[in-house]
Amino acid sequence: MALASSMNHEKSRAIEMKRILAREQNEPLLIRDEQSNPMALINNHNLIANDPQLEPRYHVAQEQEISHFEDMFRLLRDDNTHAY
């Protein structure tokens, strides 16, 4: 009986993982592994730092992203606190 239950659980877990992986290809995720390319980061920084028209727009976008991240962090932290 325990073996059948374990096999059923593994089958359910495998189906759920397939569903998650398929969804990951189509939906934006909060956390996604990205390729690390230090030269691309340095080049983007130099491009933004040396363009007087681009820098102010970048800072506005950056402030919005930071604000969004902080809101999401608070939201997720609150959910985790209430779950326990």
C-alpha atoms as a PDB file:
ATOM      1  CA  MET A   1       0.000   0.000   0.000  1.00  0.00           C
ATOM      2  CA  ALA A   2       2.818   2.397   0.857  1.00  0.00           C
ATOM      3  CA  LEU A   3       4.572   1.591  -2.430  1.00  0.00           C
ATOM      4  CA  ALA A   4       1.419   2.342  -4.428  1.00  0.00           C
ATOM      5  CA  SER A   5       0.968   5.612  -2.565  1.00  0.00           C
ATOM      6  CA  SER A   6       4.590   6.580  -3.174  1.00  0.00           C
ATOM      7  CA  MET A   7       4.346   5.759  -6.880  1.00  0.00           C
ATOM      8  CA  ASN A   8       1.129   7.771  -7.178  1.00  0.00           C
ATOM      9  CA  HIS A   9       2.806  10.731  -5.456  1.00  0.00           C
ATOM     10  CA  GLU A  10       5.806  10.547  -7.818  1.00  0.00           C
ATOM     11  CA  LYS A  11       3.511  10.422 -10.838  1.00  0.00           C
ATOM     12  CA  SER A  12       1.593  13.483  -9.583  1.00  0.00           C
ATOM     13  CA  ARG A  13       4.861  15.304  -8.894  1.00  0.00           C
ATOM     14  CA  ALA A  14       6.163  14.511 -12.393  1.00  0.00           C
ATOM     15  CA  ILE A  15       2.949  15.829 -13.976  1.00  0.00           C
ATOM     16  CA  GLU A  16       3.135  19.010 -11.909  1.00  0.00           C
ATOM     17  CA  MET A  17       6.794  19.557 -12.848  1.00  0.00           C
ATOM     18  CA  LYS A  18       5.954  19.191 -16.544  1.00  0.00           C
ATOM     19  CA  ARG A  19       3.159  21.737 -16.103  1.00  0.00           C
ATOM     20  CA  ILE A  20       5.502  24.168 -14.315  1.00  0.00           C
ATOM     21  CA  LEU A  21       8.224  23.814 -16.950  1.00  0.00           C
ATOM     22  CA  ALA A  22       5.725  24.392 -19.767  1.00  0.00           C
ATOM     23  CA  ARG A  23       4.309  27.455 -17.998  1.00  0.00           C
ATOM     24  CA  GLU A  24       7.820  28.807 -17.401  1.00  0.00           C
ATOM     25  CA  GLN A  25       8.360  29.109 -21.153  1.00  0.00           C
ATOM     26  CA  ASN A  26       5.279  31.305 -21.607  1.00  0.00           C
ATOM     27  CA  GLU A  27       4.782  33.330 -18.430  1.00  0.00           C
ATOM     28  CA  PRO A  28       6.979  35.917 -16.735  1.00  0.00           C
ATOM     29  CA  LEU A  29       8.498  34.601 -13.542  1.00  0.00           C
ATOM     30  CA  LEU A  30       9.648  36.423 -10.440  1.00  0.00           C
ATOM     31  CA  ILE A  31      12.930  34.561 -10.447  1.00  0.00           C
ATOM     32  CA  ARG A  32      14.639  33.272 -13.562  1.00  0.00           C
ATOM     33  CA  ASP A  33      18.165  31.979 -14.008  1.00  0.00           C
ATOM     34  CA  GLU A  34      19.975  34.159 -16.510  1.00  0.00           C
ATOM     35  CA  GLN A  35      23.260  33.681 -18.291  1.00  0.00           C
ATOM     36  CA  SER A  36      26.049  35.613 -16.638  1.00  0.00           C
ATOM     37  CA  ASN A  37      27.898  37.857 -19.058  1.00  0.00           C
ATOM     38  CA  PRO A  38      30.036  40.442 -17.226  1.00  0.00           C
ATOM     39  CA  MET A  39      31.076  42.232 -20.424  1.00  0.00           C
ATOM     40  CA  ALA A  40      27.448  42.803 -21.426  1.00  0.00           C
ATOM     41  CA  LEU A  41      26.764  44.324 -18.012  1.00  0.00           C
ATOM     42  CA  ILE A  42      29.813  46.601 -18.276  1.00  0.00           C
ATOM     43  CA  ASN A  43      28.924  47.622 -21.832  1.00  0.00           C
ATOM     44  CA  ASN A  44      25.348  48.459 -20.845  1.00  0.00           C
ATOM     45  CA  HIS A  45      26.574  50.497 -17.899  1.00  0.00           C
ATOM     46  CA  ASN A  46      28.995  52.456 -20.096  1.00  0.00           C
ATOM     47  CA  LEU A  47      26.301  53.040 -22.710  1.00  0.00           C
ATOM     48  CA  ILE A  48      23.875  54.426 -20.124  1.00  0.00           C
ATOM     49  CA  ALA A  49      26.504  56.427 -18.222  1.00  0.00           C
ATOM     50  CA  ASN A  50      27.814  58.128 -21.374  1.00  0.00           C
ATOM     51  CA  ASP A  51      24.439  59.047 -22.907  1.00  0.00           C
ATOM     52  CA  PRO A  52      22.965  62.160 -21.220  1.00  0.00           C
ATOM     53  CA  GLN A  53      19.512  61.533 -22.742  1.00  0.00           C
ATOM     54  CA  LEU A  54      19.343  57.871 -21.791  1.00  0.00           C
ATOM     55  CA  GLU A  55      20.473  58.177 -18.175  1.00  0.00           C
ATOM     56  CA  PRO A  56      17.422  60.062 -16.794  1.00  0.00           C
ATOM     57  CA  ARG A  57      15.006  57.635 -18.472  1.00  0.00           C
ATOM     58  CA  TYR A  58      16.983  54.710 -17.105  1.00  0.00           C
ATOM     59  CA  HIS A  59      16.845  56.098 -13.563  1.00  0.00           C
ATOM     60  CA  VAL A  60      13.057  56.514 -13.774  1.00  0.00           C
ATOM     61  CA  ALA A  61      12.655  52.931 -14.987  1.00  0.00           C
ATOM     62  CA  GLN A  62      15.072  51.705 -12.329  1.00  0.00           C
ATOM     63  CA  GLU A  63      13.116  53.471  -9.567  1.00  0.00           C
ATOM     64  CA  GLN A  64       9.894  51.859 -10.799  1.00  0.00           C
ATOM     65  CA  GLU A  65      11.497  48.403 -10.852  1.00  0.00           C
ATOM     66  CA  ILE A  66      12.940  48.828  -7.356  1.00  0.00           C
ATOM     67  CA  SER A  67       9.565  49.975  -6.057  1.00  0.00           C
ATOM     68  CA  HIS A  68       7.867  46.988  -7.694  1.00  0.00           C
ATOM     69  CA  PHE A  69      10.466  44.614  -6.212  1.00  0.00           C
ATOM     70  CA  GLU A  70       9.971  46.081  -2.738  1.00  0.00           C
ATOM     71  CA  ASP A  71       6.180  45.725  -3.054  1.00  0.00           C
ATOM     72  CA  MET A  72       6.504  42.115  -4.175  1.00  0.00           C
ATOM     73  CA  PHE A  73       8.977  41.379  -1.386  1.00  0.00           C
ATOM     74  CA  ARG A  74       6.553  42.782   1.203  1.00  0.00           C
ATOM     75  CA  LEU A  75       3.658  40.857  -0.316  1.00  0.00           C
ATOM     76  CA  LEU A  76       5.526  37.547  -0.382  1.00  0.00           C
ATOM     77  CA  ARG A  77       6.942  38.059   3.101  1.00  0.00           C
ATOM     78  CA  ASP A  78       3.438  38.738   4.456  1.00  0.00           C
ATOM     79  CA  ASP A  79       2.085  35.575   2.822  1.00  0.00           C
ATOM     80  CA  ASN A  80       4.903  33.516   4.277  1.00  0.00           C
ATOM     81  CA  THR A  81       4.342  34.992   7.726  1.00  0.00           C
ATOM     82  CA  HIS A  82       0.618  34.144   7.681  1.00  0.00           C
ATOM     83  CA  ALA A  83       1.240  30.626   6.336  1.00  0.00           C
ATOM     84  CA  TYR A  84       2.993  29.527   9.529  1.00  0.00           C
END
